[in-house]
C-alpha atoms as a PDB file:
ATOM      1  CA  MET A   1      11.281  -7.472   4.933  1.00  0.00           C
ATOM      2  CA  ARG A   2      12.139  -4.245   6.669  1.00  0.00           C
ATOM      3  CA  VAL A   3       9.858  -1.699   8.327  1.00  0.00           C
ATOM      4  CA  CYS A   4       9.316   1.779   6.862  1.00  0.00           C
ATOM      5  CA  ILE A   5      10.301   4.479   9.347  1.00  0.00           C
ATOM      6  CA  ALA A   6       9.972   8.288   9.327  1.00  0.00           C
ATOM      7  CA  ARG A   7      11.389  10.489  12.083  1.00  0.00           C
ATOM      8  CA  LYS A   8      10.654  14.135  12.813  1.00  0.00           C
ATOM      9  CA  SER A   9      14.370  14.713  13.405  1.00  0.00           C
ATOM     10  CA  GLU A  10      14.971  13.551   9.794  1.00  0.00           C
ATOM     11  CA  LYS A  11      12.177  15.780   8.392  1.00  0.00           C
ATOM     12  CA  PHE A  12       9.921  12.710   8.044  1.00  0.00           C
ATOM     13  CA  HIS A  13      11.991  11.214   5.233  1.00  0.00           C
ATOM     14  CA  TRP A  14      10.782   7.613   4.841  1.00  0.00           C
ATOM     15  CA  HIS A  15      13.365   4.841   4.797  1.00  0.00           C
ATOM     16  CA  LYS A  16      13.543   1.108   5.521  1.00  0.00           C
ATOM     17  CA  GLY A  17      14.910   0.248   8.937  1.00  0.00           C
ATOM     18  CA  GLY A  18      14.656  -1.740  12.122  1.00  0.00           C
ATOM     19  CA  HIS A  19      16.540  -4.787  13.308  1.00  0.00           C
ATOM     20  CA  ASN A  20      15.671  -8.150  14.869  1.00  0.00           C
ATOM     21  CA  ILE A  21      12.629  -8.243  12.602  1.00  0.00           C
ATOM     22  CA  ASN A  22      10.367 -11.265  13.048  1.00  0.00           C
ATOM     23  CA  TYR A  23       7.098 -12.078  11.344  1.00  0.00           C
ATOM     24  CA  GLY A  24       5.099 -15.142  12.200  1.00  0.00           C
ATOM     25  CA  LYS A  25       2.339 -16.685  14.250  1.00  0.00           C
ATOM     26  CA  GLY A  26       1.360 -14.682  17.303  1.00  0.00           C
ATOM     27  CA  ARG A  27      -0.212 -15.839  20.569  1.00  0.00           C
ATOM     28  CA  VAL A  28      -3.618 -14.211  20.142  1.00  0.00           C
ATOM     29  CA  VAL A  29      -6.306 -16.675  19.038  1.00  0.00           C
ATOM     30  CA  ARG A  30      -8.100 -15.668  15.840  1.00  0.00           C
ATOM     31  CA  LYS A  31     -10.534 -18.553  15.459  1.00  0.00           C
ATOM     32  CA  ARG A  32     -11.147 -21.714  17.402  1.00  0.00           C
ATOM     33  CA  THR A  33     -13.021 -24.766  16.110  1.00  0.00           C
ATOM     34  CA  GLU A  34     -13.380 -28.262  17.504  1.00  0.00           C
ATOM     35  CA  THR A  35     -10.416 -29.502  15.489  1.00  0.00           C
ATOM     36  CA  ARG A  36      -8.287 -26.437  14.894  1.00  0.00           C
ATOM     37  CA  VAL A  37      -7.050 -23.192  16.435  1.00  0.00           C
ATOM     38  CA  SER A  38      -5.791 -20.366  14.212  1.00  0.00           C
ATOM     39  CA  TYR A  39      -3.772 -17.411  15.433  1.00  0.00           C
ATOM     40  CA  TYR A  40      -3.239 -13.841  14.258  1.00  0.00           C
ATOM     41  CA  SER A  41       0.116 -13.050  12.671  1.00  0.00           C
ATOM     42  CA  GLN A  42       2.593 -10.877  14.537  1.00  0.00           C
ATOM     43  CA  LEU A  43       5.299  -8.479  13.399  1.00  0.00           C
ATOM     44  CA  SER A  44       7.981  -7.522  15.894  1.00  0.00           C
ATOM     45  CA  PHE A  45      11.078  -5.374  15.422  1.00  0.00           C
ATOM     46  CA  GLU A  46      13.484  -3.158  17.321  1.00  0.00           C
ATOM     47  CA  VAL A  47      14.324   0.471  16.595  1.00  0.00           C
ATOM     48  CA  THR A  48      17.011   2.584  18.237  1.00  0.00           C
ATOM     49  CA  LEU A  49      15.672   5.899  19.541  1.00  0.00           C
ATOM     50  CA  ASN A  50      17.945   8.886  19.018  1.00  0.00           C
ATOM     51  CA  SER A  51      16.032  11.287  21.216  1.00  0.00           C
ATOM     52  CA  PRO A  52      13.135  10.814  23.654  1.00  0.00           C
ATOM     53  CA  GLU A  53      11.377  13.879  22.161  1.00  0.00           C
ATOM     54  CA  ASP A  54      11.573  12.605  18.588  1.00  0.00           C
ATOM     55  CA  LYS A  55       8.326  11.667  16.841  1.00  0.00           C
ATOM     56  CA  ILE A  56       8.500   8.405  14.853  1.00  0.00           C
ATOM     57  CA  TYR A  57       6.049   6.895  12.352  1.00  0.00           C
ATOM     58  CA  PHE A  58       6.062   3.248  11.243  1.00  0.00           C
ATOM     59  CA  ALA A  59       4.476   1.725   8.157  1.00  0.00           C
ATOM     60  CA  TYR A  60       4.382  -1.665   6.464  1.00  0.00           C
ATOM     61  CA  CYS A  61       5.155  -0.028   3.093  1.00  0.00           C
ATOM     62  CA  TYR A  62       6.075   3.447   1.882  1.00  0.00           C
ATOM     63  CA  PRO A  63       3.056   5.777   2.187  1.00  0.00           C
ATOM     64  CA  TYR A  64       1.552   6.894  -1.118  1.00  0.00           C
ATOM     65  CA  THR A  65      -0.462  10.113  -1.045  1.00  0.00           C
ATOM     66  CA  PHE A  66      -3.748  10.599  -2.854  1.00  0.00           C
ATOM     67  CA  SER A  67      -2.273  13.699  -4.540  1.00  0.00           C
ATOM     68  CA  ARG A  68       0.573  11.625  -5.929  1.00  0.00           C
ATOM     69  CA  LEU A  69      -1.897   9.016  -7.205  1.00  0.00           C
ATOM     70  CA  SER A  70      -4.074  11.699  -8.838  1.00  0.00           C
ATOM     71  CA  ASN A  71      -1.061  13.229 -10.601  1.00  0.00           C
ATOM     72  CA  LEU A  72       0.054   9.800 -11.812  1.00  0.00           C
ATOM     73  CA  LEU A  73      -3.419   9.041 -13.211  1.00  0.00           C
ATOM     74  CA  VAL A  74      -3.540  12.374 -15.054  1.00  0.00           C
ATOM     75  CA  ASP A  75      -0.129  11.605 -16.559  1.00  0.00           C
ATOM     76  CA  ILE A  76      -1.128   8.057 -17.550  1.00  0.00           C
ATOM     77  CA  ASN A  77      -4.385   9.246 -19.143  1.00  0.00           C
ATOM     78  CA  ALA A  78      -2.556  11.974 -21.095  1.00  0.00           C
ATOM     79  CA  LYS A  79       0.031   9.524 -22.438  1.00  0.00           C
ATOM     80  CA  THR A  80      -2.453   6.770 -23.311  1.00  0.00           C
ATOM     81  CA  LYS A  81      -5.332   8.886 -24.636  1.00  0.00           C
ATOM     82  CA  GLN A  82      -5.032   7.510 -28.186  1.00  0.00           C
ATOM     83  CA  LYS A  83      -4.163   3.988 -27.078  1.00  0.00           C
ATOM     84  CA  ASP A  84      -6.690   1.265 -26.453  1.00  0.00           C
ATOM     85  CA  CYS A  85      -4.952  -0.290 -23.446  1.00  0.00           C
ATOM     86  CA  VAL A  86      -5.836   1.688 -20.289  1.00  0.00           C
ATOM     87  CA  LYS A  87      -9.260   2.229 -18.764  1.00  0.00           C
ATOM     88  CA  GLU A  88      -9.980   4.152 -15.563  1.00  0.00           C
ATOM     89  CA  THR A  89     -13.196   3.499 -13.633  1.00  0.00           C
ATOM     90  CA  ILE A  90     -14.348   3.986 -10.043  1.00  0.00           C
ATOM     91  CA  LEU A  91     -13.927   0.957  -7.784  1.00  0.00           C
ATOM     92  CA  CYS A  92     -15.727   2.398  -4.745  1.00  0.00           C
ATOM     93  CA  LYS A  93     -15.842   5.366  -2.377  1.00  0.00           C
ATOM     94  CA  ALA A  94     -13.329   5.697   0.445  1.00  0.00           C
ATOM     95  CA  LEU A  95     -14.551   6.463   3.967  1.00  0.00           C
ATOM     96  CA  SER A  96     -13.523  10.067   3.309  1.00  0.00           C
ATOM     97  CA  GLY A  97     -15.900  10.201   0.329  1.00  0.00           C
ATOM     98  CA  LEU A  98     -13.159  10.243  -2.309  1.00  0.00           C
ATOM     99  CA  ASP A  99     -13.432   7.991  -5.346  1.00  0.00           C
ATOM    100  CA  VAL A 100     -11.086   4.983  -5.298  1.00  0.00           C
ATOM    101  CA  PRO A 101      -9.879   4.485  -8.875  1.00  0.00           C
ATOM    102  CA  LEU A 102      -9.618   1.130 -10.625  1.00  0.00           C
ATOM    103  CA  ILE A 103      -7.092   1.021 -13.457  1.00  0.00           C
ATOM    104  CA  THR A 104      -7.443  -1.719 -16.069  1.00  0.00           C
ATOM    105  CA  VAL A 105      -4.399  -2.316 -18.256  1.00  0.00           C
ATOM    106  CA  THR A 106      -4.922  -4.734 -21.120  1.00  0.00           C
ATOM    107  CA  SER A 107      -3.904  -5.298 -24.719  1.00  0.00           C
ATOM    108  CA  ARG A 108      -7.229  -3.938 -26.068  1.00  0.00           C
ATOM    109  CA  ILE A 109     -10.295  -2.489 -24.356  1.00  0.00           C
ATOM    110  CA  HIS A 110     -12.643  -1.270 -27.086  1.00  0.00           C
ATOM    111  CA  SER A 111     -11.286  -3.218 -30.045  1.00  0.00           C
ATOM    112  CA  ASP A 112     -13.248  -6.070 -31.553  1.00  0.00           C
ATOM    113  CA  PRO A 113     -11.229  -9.259 -30.934  1.00  0.00           C
ATOM    114  CA  LYS A 114     -12.554 -10.719 -34.216  1.00  0.00           C
ATOM    115  CA  ASN A 115     -10.418  -8.216 -36.124  1.00  0.00           C
ATOM    116  CA  PHE A 116      -7.187  -9.694 -34.775  1.00  0.00           C
END
């Protein structure tokens, strides 16, 4: 696993990077019972800084914008309009108030299974 990195000096182009990457049990206690202690996980890595003024963003995975998702859903709905395999519903509302879509992909949604 590598860390996703975007730098201002590279026009915020996201890429995988970092070295000495370690993921495992940390030292901070998460839960303690009479018989067991569990710890939070910890991710550590090193990154070489090119300039002290550079702005750097880190992410666990490549960021995916809501605009990109919306465009993808429009494209999927246009291509599968006549097909009985994709259904889009609302999962919940995000903290921002936007609808969070739920996409169901199956062999048949509205078809009667007795006919097959």
